[in-house]
PDB file of all heavy atoms in Angstrom:
ATOM      1  N   GLN A   1       1.890  -2.405 -11.733  1.00  0.00           N
ATOM      2  CA  GLN A   1       2.239  -1.110 -11.147  1.00  0.00           C
ATOM      3  C   GLN A   1       1.073  -0.125 -11.266  1.00  0.00           C
ATOM      4  O   GLN A   1       0.772   0.594 -10.311  1.00  0.00           O
ATOM      5  CB  GLN A   1       3.472  -0.528 -11.834  1.00  0.00           C
ATOM      6  CG  GLN A   1       4.763  -1.148 -11.364  1.00  0.00           C
ATOM      7  CD  GLN A   1       5.961  -0.513 -12.021  1.00  0.00           C
ATOM      8  OE1 GLN A   1       6.048  -0.421 -13.237  1.00  0.00           O
ATOM      9  NE2 GLN A   1       6.905  -0.072 -11.209  1.00  0.00           N
ATOM     10  N   GLN A   2       0.441  -0.091 -12.421  1.00  0.00           N
ATOM     11  CA  GLN A   2      -0.670   0.833 -12.617  1.00  0.00           C
ATOM     12  C   GLN A   2      -1.843   0.470 -11.703  1.00  0.00           C
ATOM     13  O   GLN A   2      -2.487   1.343 -11.137  1.00  0.00           O
ATOM     14  CB  GLN A   2      -1.122   0.849 -14.080  1.00  0.00           C
ATOM     15  CG  GLN A   2      -2.091   1.963 -14.390  1.00  0.00           C
ATOM     16  CD  GLN A   2      -1.512   3.339 -14.094  1.00  0.00           C
ATOM     17  OE1 GLN A   2      -0.423   3.668 -14.524  1.00  0.00           O
ATOM     18  NE2 GLN A   2      -2.242   4.139 -13.342  1.00  0.00           N
ATOM     19  N   ALA A   3      -2.099  -0.825 -11.552  1.00  0.00           N
ATOM     20  CA  ALA A   3      -3.183  -1.261 -10.669  1.00  0.00           C
ATOM     21  C   ALA A   3      -2.907  -0.850  -9.222  1.00  0.00           C
ATOM     22  O   ALA A   3      -3.812  -0.417  -8.511  1.00  0.00           O
ATOM     23  CB  ALA A   3      -3.369  -2.774 -10.775  1.00  0.00           C
ATOM     24  N   ILE A   4      -1.647  -0.967  -8.805  1.00  0.00           N
ATOM     25  CA  ILE A   4      -1.289  -0.554  -7.444  1.00  0.00           C
ATOM     26  C   ILE A   4      -1.525   0.943  -7.285  1.00  0.00           C
ATOM     27  O   ILE A   4      -2.104   1.388  -6.291  1.00  0.00           O
ATOM     28  CB  ILE A   4       0.172  -0.934  -7.124  1.00  0.00           C
ATOM     29  CG1 ILE A   4       0.298  -2.458  -7.017  1.00  0.00           C
ATOM     30  CG2 ILE A   4       0.649  -0.253  -5.834  1.00  0.00           C
ATOM     31  CD1 ILE A   4       1.726  -2.957  -6.981  1.00  0.00           C
ATOM     32  N   ARG A   5      -1.101   1.732  -8.275  1.00  0.00           N
ATOM     33  CA  ARG A   5      -1.313   3.182  -8.210  1.00  0.00           C
ATOM     34  C   ARG A   5      -2.804   3.512  -8.175  1.00  0.00           C
ATOM     35  O   ARG A   5      -3.249   4.361  -7.406  1.00  0.00           O
ATOM     36  CB  ARG A   5      -0.664   3.871  -9.413  1.00  0.00           C
ATOM     37  CG  ARG A   5       0.822   3.986  -9.311  1.00  0.00           C
ATOM     38  CD  ARG A   5       1.375   4.825 -10.470  1.00  0.00           C
ATOM     39  NE  ARG A   5       2.769   4.512 -10.681  1.00  0.00           N
ATOM     40  CZ  ARG A   5       3.251   3.734 -11.646  1.00  0.00           C
ATOM     41  NH1 ARG A   5       2.450   3.193 -12.535  1.00  0.00           N
ATOM     42  NH2 ARG A   5       4.528   3.494 -11.734  1.00  0.00           N
ATOM     43  N   ASN A   6      -3.575   2.835  -9.032  1.00  0.00           N
ATOM     44  CA  ASN A   6      -5.012   3.117  -9.138  1.00  0.00           C
ATOM     45  C   ASN A   6      -5.781   2.734  -7.878  1.00  0.00           C
ATOM     46  O   ASN A   6      -6.832   3.306  -7.599  1.00  0.00           O
ATOM     47  CB  ASN A   6      -5.623   2.389 -10.334  1.00  0.00           C
ATOM     48  CG  ASN A   6      -5.155   2.939 -11.663  1.00  0.00           C
ATOM     49  OD1 ASN A   6      -4.595   4.028 -11.744  1.00  0.00           O
ATOM     50  ND2 ASN A   6      -5.371   2.184 -12.715  1.00  0.00           N
ATOM     51  N   HIS A   7      -5.289   1.744  -7.160  1.00  0.00           N
ATOM     52  CA  HIS A   7      -6.020   1.223  -6.001  1.00  0.00           C
ATOM     53  C   HIS A   7      -5.259   1.411  -4.690  1.00  0.00           C
ATOM     54  O   HIS A   7      -5.524   0.703  -3.719  1.00  0.00           O
ATOM     55  CB  HIS A   7      -6.341  -0.262  -6.227  1.00  0.00           C
ATOM     56  CG  HIS A   7      -7.172  -0.507  -7.430  1.00  0.00           C
ATOM     57  ND1 HIS A   7      -8.523  -0.249  -7.479  1.00  0.00           N
ATOM     58  CD2 HIS A   7      -6.832  -0.956  -8.661  1.00  0.00           C
ATOM     59  CE1 HIS A   7      -8.986  -0.542  -8.672  1.00  0.00           C
ATOM     60  NE2 HIS A   7      -7.979  -0.960  -9.419  1.00  0.00           N
ATOM     61  N   GLU A   8      -4.369   2.381  -4.677  1.00  0.00           N
ATOM     62  CA  GLU A   8      -3.547   2.597  -3.492  1.00  0.00           C
ATOM     63  C   GLU A   8      -4.383   2.846  -2.241  1.00  0.00           C
ATOM     64  O   GLU A   8      -4.095   2.314  -1.169  1.00  0.00           O
ATOM     65  CB  GLU A   8      -2.597   3.764  -3.739  1.00  0.00           C
ATOM     66  CG  GLU A   8      -1.535   3.905  -2.690  1.00  0.00           C
ATOM     67  CD  GLU A   8      -0.538   4.981  -3.045  1.00  0.00           C
ATOM     68  OE1 GLU A   8      -0.140   5.083  -4.216  1.00  0.00           O
ATOM     69  OE2 GLU A   8      -0.177   5.733  -2.125  1.00  0.00           O
ATOM     70  N   THR A   9      -5.439   3.625  -2.369  1.00  0.00           N
ATOM     71  CA  THR A   9      -6.295   3.915  -1.219  1.00  0.00           C
ATOM     72  C   THR A   9      -6.975   2.648  -0.723  1.00  0.00           C
ATOM     73  O   THR A   9      -7.008   2.396   0.491  1.00  0.00           O
ATOM     74  CB  THR A   9      -7.352   4.975  -1.591  1.00  0.00           C
ATOM     75  OG1 THR A   9      -6.672   6.158  -2.025  1.00  0.00           O
ATOM     76  CG2 THR A   9      -8.240   5.306  -0.411  1.00  0.00           C
ATOM     77  N   ARG A  10      -7.493   1.857  -1.647  1.00  0.00           N
ATOM     78  CA  ARG A  10      -8.154   0.611  -1.251  1.00  0.00           C
ATOM     79  C   ARG A  10      -7.171  -0.368  -0.627  1.00  0.00           C
ATOM     80  O   ARG A  10      -7.499  -1.085   0.330  1.00  0.00           O
ATOM     81  CB  ARG A  10      -8.848  -0.027  -2.449  1.00  0.00           C
ATOM     82  CG  ARG A  10     -10.056   0.788  -2.906  1.00  0.00           C
ATOM     83  CD  ARG A  10     -10.730   0.181  -4.106  1.00  0.00           C
ATOM     84  NE  ARG A  10     -11.281  -1.115  -3.752  1.00  0.00           N
ATOM     85  CZ  ARG A  10     -11.572  -2.064  -4.637  1.00  0.00           C
ATOM     86  NH1 ARG A  10     -11.385  -1.867  -5.917  1.00  0.00           N
ATOM     87  NH2 ARG A  10     -12.081  -3.214  -4.238  1.00  0.00           N
ATOM     88  N   LEU A  11      -5.941  -0.412  -1.159  1.00  0.00           N
ATOM     89  CA  LEU A  11      -4.916  -1.279  -0.567  1.00  0.00           C
ATOM     90  C   LEU A  11      -4.596  -0.833   0.856  1.00  0.00           C
ATOM     91  O   LEU A  11      -4.469  -1.666   1.759  1.00  0.00           O
ATOM     92  CB  LEU A  11      -3.646  -1.260  -1.427  1.00  0.00           C
ATOM     93  CG  LEU A  11      -3.743  -1.978  -2.768  1.00  0.00           C
ATOM     94  CD1 LEU A  11      -2.543  -1.632  -3.643  1.00  0.00           C
ATOM     95  CD2 LEU A  11      -3.833  -3.481  -2.564  1.00  0.00           C
ATOM     96  N   ALA A  12      -4.475   0.485   1.049  1.00  0.00           N
ATOM     97  CA  ALA A  12      -4.196   1.012   2.393  1.00  0.00           C
ATOM     98  C   ALA A  12      -5.332   0.675   3.355  1.00  0.00           C
ATOM     99  O   ALA A  12      -5.093   0.312   4.511  1.00  0.00           O
ATOM    100  CB  ALA A  12      -3.970   2.520   2.326  1.00  0.00           C
ATOM    101  N   GLU A  13      -6.575   0.795   2.874  1.00  0.00           N
ATOM    102  CA  GLU A  13      -7.729   0.448   3.715  1.00  0.00           C
ATOM    103  C   GLU A  13      -7.697  -1.032   4.101  1.00  0.00           C
ATOM    104  O   GLU A  13      -7.984  -1.391   5.250  1.00  0.00           O
ATOM    105  CB  GLU A  13      -9.027   0.780   2.988  1.00  0.00           C
ATOM    106  CG  GLU A  13      -9.282   2.263   2.851  1.00  0.00           C
ATOM    107  CD  GLU A  13     -10.421   2.596   1.900  1.00  0.00           C
ATOM    108  OE1 GLU A  13     -11.016   1.674   1.293  1.00  0.00           O
ATOM    109  OE2 GLU A  13     -10.711   3.798   1.740  1.00  0.00           O
ATOM    110  N   ALA A  14      -7.345  -1.886   3.152  1.00  0.00           N
ATOM    111  CA  ALA A  14      -7.279  -3.328   3.439  1.00  0.00           C
ATOM    112  C   ALA A  14      -6.166  -3.638   4.427  1.00  0.00           C
ATOM    113  O   ALA A  14      -6.345  -4.463   5.333  1.00  0.00           O
ATOM    114  CB  ALA A  14      -7.066  -4.108   2.137  1.00  0.00           C
ATOM    115  N   MET A  15      -5.015  -2.973   4.275  1.00  0.00           N
ATOM    116  CA  MET A  15      -3.913  -3.199   5.214  1.00  0.00           C
ATOM    117  C   MET A  15      -4.258  -2.682   6.603  1.00  0.00           C
ATOM    118  O   MET A  15      -3.840  -3.257   7.608  1.00  0.00           O
ATOM    119  CB  MET A  15      -2.632  -2.565   4.689  1.00  0.00           C
ATOM    120  CG  MET A  15      -2.023  -3.364   3.550  1.00  0.00           C
ATOM    121  SD  MET A  15      -0.402  -2.773   3.106  1.00  0.00           S
ATOM    122  CE  MET A  15      -0.693  -2.320   1.407  1.00  0.00           C
ATOM    123  N   LYS A  16      -5.036  -1.601   6.662  1.00  0.00           N
ATOM    124  CA  LYS A  16      -5.498  -1.086   7.958  1.00  0.00           C
ATOM    125  C   LYS A  16      -6.418  -2.117   8.614  1.00  0.00           C
ATOM    126  O   LYS A  16      -6.253  -2.463   9.786  1.00  0.00           O
ATOM    127  CB  LYS A  16      -6.240   0.245   7.757  1.00  0.00           C
ATOM    128  CG  LYS A  16      -6.897   0.780   8.991  1.00  0.00           C
ATOM    129  CD  LYS A  16      -5.888   1.266   9.992  1.00  0.00           C
ATOM    130  CE  LYS A  16      -6.594   1.945  11.151  1.00  0.00           C
ATOM    131  NZ  LYS A  16      -5.673   2.307  12.197  1.00  0.00           N
ATOM    132  N   LYS A  17      -7.361  -2.615   7.828  1.00  0.00           N
ATOM    133  CA  LYS A  17      -8.333  -3.577   8.349  1.00  0.00           C
ATOM    134  C   LYS A  17      -7.669  -4.894   8.752  1.00  0.00           C
ATOM    135  O   LYS A  17      -7.934  -5.430   9.821  1.00  0.00           O
ATOM    136  CB  LYS A  17      -9.404  -3.832   7.293  1.00  0.00           C
ATOM    137  CG  LYS A  17     -10.477  -4.790   7.729  1.00  0.00           C
ATOM    138  CD  LYS A  17     -11.514  -4.979   6.638  1.00  0.00           C
ATOM    139  CE  LYS A  17     -12.530  -6.033   7.024  1.00  0.00           C
ATOM    140  NZ  LYS A  17     -13.462  -6.315   5.929  1.00  0.00           N
ATOM    141  N   ASP A  18      -6.814  -5.426   7.876  1.00  0.00           N
ATOM    142  CA  ASP A  18      -6.222  -6.741   8.109  1.00  0.00           C
ATOM    143  C   ASP A  18      -5.009  -6.716   9.041  1.00  0.00           C
ATOM    144  O   ASP A  18      -4.798  -7.650   9.814  1.00  0.00           O
ATOM    145  CB  ASP A  18      -5.803  -7.383   6.787  1.00  0.00           C
ATOM    146  CG  ASP A  18      -6.985  -7.701   5.892  1.00  0.00           C
ATOM    147  OD1 ASP A  18      -8.136  -7.684   6.379  1.00  0.00           O
ATOM    148  OD2 ASP A  18      -6.772  -7.953   4.698  1.00  0.00           O
ATOM    149  N   LEU A  19      -4.184  -5.665   8.921  1.00  0.00           N
ATOM    150  CA  LEU A  19      -2.908  -5.654   9.633  1.00  0.00           C
ATOM    151  C   LEU A  19      -2.768  -4.517  10.636  1.00  0.00           C
ATOM    152  O   LEU A  19      -1.767  -4.436  11.352  1.00  0.00           O
ATOM    153  CB  LEU A  19      -1.752  -5.560   8.620  1.00  0.00           C
ATOM    154  CG  LEU A  19      -1.741  -6.630   7.527  1.00  0.00           C
ATOM    155  CD1 LEU A  19      -0.683  -6.309   6.487  1.00  0.00           C
ATOM    156  CD2 LEU A  19      -1.523  -8.009   8.128  1.00  0.00           C
ATOM    157  N   GLY A  20      -3.757  -3.615  10.663  1.00  0.00           N
ATOM    158  CA  GLY A  20      -3.695  -2.497  11.588  1.00  0.00           C
ATOM    159  C   GLY A  20      -2.699  -1.422  11.185  1.00  0.00           C
ATOM    160  O   GLY A  20      -2.297  -0.604  12.006  1.00  0.00           O
ATOM    161  N   LYS A  21      -2.281  -1.411   9.907  1.00  0.00           N
ATOM    162  CA  LYS A  21      -1.312  -0.424   9.433  1.00  0.00           C
ATOM    163  C   LYS A  21      -2.007   0.877   9.075  1.00  0.00           C
ATOM    164  O   LYS A  21      -3.082   0.870   8.489  1.00  0.00           O
ATOM    165  CB  LYS A  21      -0.576  -0.933   8.189  1.00  0.00           C
ATOM    166  CG  LYS A  21       0.387  -2.057   8.439  1.00  0.00           C
ATOM    167  CD  LYS A  21       1.153  -2.380   7.173  1.00  0.00           C
ATOM    168  CE  LYS A  21       2.210  -3.423   7.424  1.00  0.00           C
ATOM    169  NZ  LYS A  21       3.051  -3.619   6.229  1.00  0.00           N
ATOM    170  N   SER A  22      -1.345   1.976   9.373  1.00  0.00           N
ATOM    171  CA  SER A  22      -1.862   3.278   8.937  1.00  0.00           C
ATOM    172  C   SER A  22      -1.589   3.416   7.442  1.00  0.00           C
ATOM    173  O   SER A  22      -0.783   2.670   6.872  1.00  0.00           O
ATOM    174  CB  SER A  22      -1.172   4.403   9.690  1.00  0.00           C
ATOM    175  OG  SER A  22       0.193   4.486   9.294  1.00  0.00           O
ATOM    176  N   ALA A  23      -2.238   4.397   6.801  1.00  0.00           N
ATOM    177  CA  ALA A  23      -2.027   4.633   5.371  1.00  0.00           C
ATOM    178  C   ALA A  23      -0.561   4.952   5.093  1.00  0.00           C
ATOM    179  O   ALA A  23       0.024   4.451   4.122  1.00  0.00           O
ATOM    180  CB  ALA A  23      -2.933   5.752   4.878  1.00  0.00           C
ATOM    181  N   GLY A  24       0.042   5.766   5.944  1.00  0.00           N
ATOM    182  CA  GLY A  24       1.450   6.115   5.769  1.00  0.00           C
ATOM    183  C   GLY A  24       2.365   4.916   5.917  1.00  0.00           C
ATOM    184  O   GLY A  24       3.311   4.737   5.157  1.00  0.00           O
ATOM    185  N   GLU A  25       2.069   4.085   6.901  1.00  0.00           N
ATOM    186  CA  GLU A  25       2.891   2.900   7.127  1.00  0.00           C
ATOM    187  C   GLU A  25       2.762   1.926   5.968  1.00  0.00           C
ATOM    188  O   GLU A  25       3.757   1.358   5.509  1.00  0.00           O
ATOM    189  CB  GLU A  25       2.486   2.213   8.433  1.00  0.00           C
ATOM    190  CG  GLU A  25       3.321   1.001   8.762  1.00  0.00           C
ATOM    191  CD  GLU A  25       2.880   0.284  10.021  1.00  0.00           C
ATOM    192  OE1 GLU A  25       1.805   0.602  10.567  1.00  0.00           O
ATOM    193  OE2 GLU A  25       3.616  -0.616  10.455  1.00  0.00           O
ATOM    194  N   SER A  26       1.551   1.722   5.479  1.00  0.00           N
ATOM    195  CA  SER A  26       1.373   0.793   4.365  1.00  0.00           C
ATOM    196  C   SER A  26       2.075   1.308   3.118  1.00  0.00           C
ATOM    197  O   SER A  26       2.668   0.537   2.364  1.00  0.00           O
ATOM    198  CB  SER A  26      -0.106   0.519   4.096  1.00  0.00           C
ATOM    199  OG  SER A  26      -0.763   1.676   3.642  1.00  0.00           O
ATOM    200  N   TYR A  27       2.052   2.626   2.901  1.00  0.00           N
ATOM    201  CA  TYR A  27       2.747   3.180   1.741  1.00  0.00           C
ATOM    202  C   TYR A  27       4.259   3.001   1.895  1.00  0.00           C
ATOM    203  O   TYR A  27       4.926   2.497   0.996  1.00  0.00           O
ATOM    204  CB  TYR A  27       2.409   4.661   1.541  1.00  0.00           C
ATOM    205  CG  TYR A  27       3.140   5.238   0.355  1.00  0.00           C
ATOM    206  CD1 TYR A  27       2.658   5.023  -0.926  1.00  0.00           C
ATOM    207  CD2 TYR A  27       4.320   5.946   0.505  1.00  0.00           C
ATOM    208  CE1 TYR A  27       3.343   5.505  -2.031  1.00  0.00           C
ATOM    209  CE2 TYR A  27       5.001   6.436  -0.587  1.00  0.00           C
ATOM    210  CZ  TYR A  27       4.518   6.213  -1.856  1.00  0.00           C
ATOM    211  OH  TYR A  27       5.205   6.683  -2.944  1.00  0.00           O
ATOM    212  N   MET A  28       4.793   3.424   3.024  1.00  0.00           N
ATOM    213  CA  MET A  28       6.247   3.387   3.224  1.00  0.00           C
ATOM    214  C   MET A  28       6.806   1.970   3.287  1.00  0.00           C
ATOM    215  O   MET A  28       7.871   1.702   2.747  1.00  0.00           O
ATOM    216  CB  MET A  28       6.631   4.133   4.507  1.00  0.00           C
ATOM    217  CG  MET A  28       6.434   5.626   4.419  1.00  0.00           C
ATOM    218  SD  MET A  28       7.407   6.403   3.116  1.00  0.00           S
ATOM    219  CE  MET A  28       9.061   6.119   3.694  1.00  0.00           C
ATOM    220  N   CYS A  29       6.092   1.066   3.916  1.00  0.00           N
ATOM    221  CA  CYS A  29       6.612  -0.290   4.111  1.00  0.00           C
ATOM    222  C   CYS A  29       6.264  -1.246   2.978  1.00  0.00           C
ATOM    223  O   CYS A  29       6.924  -2.273   2.822  1.00  0.00           O
ATOM    224  CB  CYS A  29       6.083  -0.863   5.421  1.00  0.00           C
ATOM    225  SG  CYS A  29       6.670   0.032   6.863  1.00  0.00           S
ATOM    226  N   ASP A  30       5.264  -0.926   2.202  1.00  0.00           N
ATOM    227  CA  ASP A  30       4.833  -1.859   1.174  1.00  0.00           C
ATOM    228  C   ASP A  30       4.905  -1.246  -0.227  1.00  0.00           C
ATOM    229  O   ASP A  30       5.697  -1.690  -1.050  1.00  0.00           O
ATOM    230  CB  ASP A  30       3.421  -2.363   1.484  1.00  0.00           C
ATOM    231  CG  ASP A  30       3.367  -3.106   2.804  1.00  0.00           C
ATOM    232  OD1 ASP A  30       4.089  -4.112   2.928  1.00  0.00           O
ATOM    233  OD2 ASP A  30       2.647  -2.669   3.707  1.00  0.00           O
ATOM    234  N   VAL A  31       4.131  -0.236  -0.492  1.00  0.00           N
ATOM    235  CA  VAL A  31       4.074   0.347  -1.835  1.00  0.00           C
ATOM    236  C   VAL A  31       5.410   0.976  -2.206  1.00  0.00           C
ATOM    237  O   VAL A  31       5.972   0.700  -3.269  1.00  0.00           O
ATOM    238  CB  VAL A  31       2.931   1.382  -1.944  1.00  0.00           C
ATOM    239  CG1 VAL A  31       2.942   2.066  -3.300  1.00  0.00           C
ATOM    240  CG2 VAL A  31       1.589   0.707  -1.697  1.00  0.00           C
ATOM    241  N   PHE A  32       5.942   1.823  -1.349  1.00  0.00           N
ATOM    242  CA  PHE A  32       7.184   2.544  -1.627  1.00  0.00           C
ATOM    243  C   PHE A  32       8.340   1.573  -1.872  1.00  0.00           C
ATOM    244  O   PHE A  32       9.210   1.824  -2.707  1.00  0.00           O
ATOM    245  CB  PHE A  32       7.504   3.487  -0.463  1.00  0.00           C
ATOM    246  CG  PHE A  32       8.743   4.302  -0.662  1.00  0.00           C
ATOM    247  CD1 PHE A  32       8.737   5.382  -1.534  1.00  0.00           C
ATOM    248  CD2 PHE A  32       9.911   3.998   0.017  1.00  0.00           C
ATOM    249  CE1 PHE A  32       9.877   6.152  -1.728  1.00  0.00           C
ATOM    250  CE2 PHE A  32      11.055   4.761  -0.170  1.00  0.00           C
ATOM    251  CZ  PHE A  32      11.041   5.832  -1.034  1.00  0.00           C
ATOM    252  N   VAL A  33       8.358   0.467  -1.164  1.00  0.00           N
ATOM    253  CA  VAL A  33       9.422  -0.532  -1.302  1.00  0.00           C
ATOM    254  C   VAL A  33       9.173  -1.418  -2.522  1.00  0.00           C
ATOM    255  O   VAL A  33      10.109  -1.768  -3.251  1.00  0.00           O
ATOM    256  CB  VAL A  33       9.514  -1.401  -0.019  1.00  0.00           C
ATOM    257  CG1 VAL A  33      10.482  -2.537  -0.187  1.00  0.00           C
ATOM    258  CG2 VAL A  33       9.907  -0.533   1.166  1.00  0.00           C
ATOM    259  N   PHE A  34       7.938  -1.758  -2.777  1.00  0.00           N
ATOM    260  CA  PHE A  34       7.591  -2.719  -3.817  1.00  0.00           C
ATOM    261  C   PHE A  34       7.702  -2.153  -5.232  1.00  0.00           C
ATOM    262  O   PHE A  34       8.155  -2.841  -6.149  1.00  0.00           O
ATOM    263  CB  PHE A  34       6.163  -3.234  -3.565  1.00  0.00           C
ATOM    264  CG  PHE A  34       5.735  -4.344  -4.461  1.00  0.00           C
ATOM    265  CD1 PHE A  34       6.381  -5.565  -4.431  1.00  0.00           C
ATOM    266  CD2 PHE A  34       4.684  -4.169  -5.345  1.00  0.00           C
ATOM    267  CE1 PHE A  34       5.981  -6.599  -5.266  1.00  0.00           C
ATOM    268  CE2 PHE A  34       4.282  -5.188  -6.183  1.00  0.00           C
ATOM    269  CZ  PHE A  34       4.929  -6.412  -6.138  1.00  0.00           C
ATOM    270  N   MET A  35       7.297  -0.911  -5.434  1.00  0.00           N
ATOM    271  CA  MET A  35       7.285  -0.334  -6.780  1.00  0.00           C
ATOM    272  C   MET A  35       8.676  -0.310  -7.416  1.00  0.00           C
ATOM    273  O   MET A  35       8.828  -0.699  -8.569  1.00  0.00           O
ATOM    274  CB  MET A  35       6.648   1.053  -6.765  1.00  0.00           C
ATOM    275  CG  MET A  35       5.173   1.020  -6.392  1.00  0.00           C
ATOM    276  SD  MET A  35       4.151   0.111  -7.552  1.00  0.00           S
ATOM    277  CE  MET A  35       3.553   1.469  -8.523  1.00  0.00           C
ATOM    278  N   PRO A  36       9.729   0.105  -6.704  1.00  0.00           N
ATOM    279  CA  PRO A  36      11.065   0.047  -7.315  1.00  0.00           C
ATOM    280  C   PRO A  36      11.512  -1.383  -7.629  1.00  0.00           C
ATOM    281  O   PRO A  36      12.265  -1.606  -8.574  1.00  0.00           O
ATOM    282  CB  PRO A  36      11.979   0.680  -6.260  1.00  0.00           C
ATOM    283  CG  PRO A  36      11.082   1.531  -5.440  1.00  0.00           C
ATOM    284  CD  PRO A  36       9.762   0.823  -5.431  1.00  0.00           C
ATOM    285  N   GLU A  37      11.043  -2.336  -6.853  1.00  0.00           N
ATOM    286  CA  GLU A  37      11.371  -3.734  -7.142  1.00  0.00           C
ATOM    287  C   GLU A  37      10.785  -4.151  -8.492  1.00  0.00           C
ATOM    288  O   GLU A  37      11.416  -4.881  -9.256  1.00  0.00           O
ATOM    289  CB  GLU A  37      10.858  -4.656  -6.026  1.00  0.00           C
ATOM    290  CG  GLU A  37      11.610  -4.545  -4.733  1.00  0.00           C
ATOM    291  CD  GLU A  37      13.060  -4.980  -4.853  1.00  0.00           C
ATOM    292  OE1 GLU A  37      13.356  -5.942  -5.589  1.00  0.00           O
ATOM    293  OE2 GLU A  37      13.908  -4.345  -4.211  1.00  0.00           O
ATOM    294  N   LEU A  38       9.587  -3.686  -8.774  1.00  0.00           N
ATOM    295  CA  LEU A  38       8.988  -3.983 -10.075  1.00  0.00           C
ATOM    296  C   LEU A  38       9.787  -3.326 -11.196  1.00  0.00           C
ATOM    297  O   LEU A  38      10.002  -3.936 -12.250  1.00  0.00           O
ATOM    298  CB  LEU A  38       7.528  -3.529 -10.113  1.00  0.00           C
ATOM    299  CG  LEU A  38       6.565  -4.293  -9.203  1.00  0.00           C
ATOM    300  CD1 LEU A  38       5.174  -3.674  -9.268  1.00  0.00           C
ATOM    301  CD2 LEU A  38       6.517  -5.756  -9.576  1.00  0.00           C
TER     302      LEU A  38
END
């Protein structure tokens, strides 16, 4: 969880590059959903 928080910007950049997701979309569809699961 801490690594995800620390690297959220880099994760968003990778999702933009690989999947074409915006920063908001990657947060809402991936980070926001995944963190409560942890």
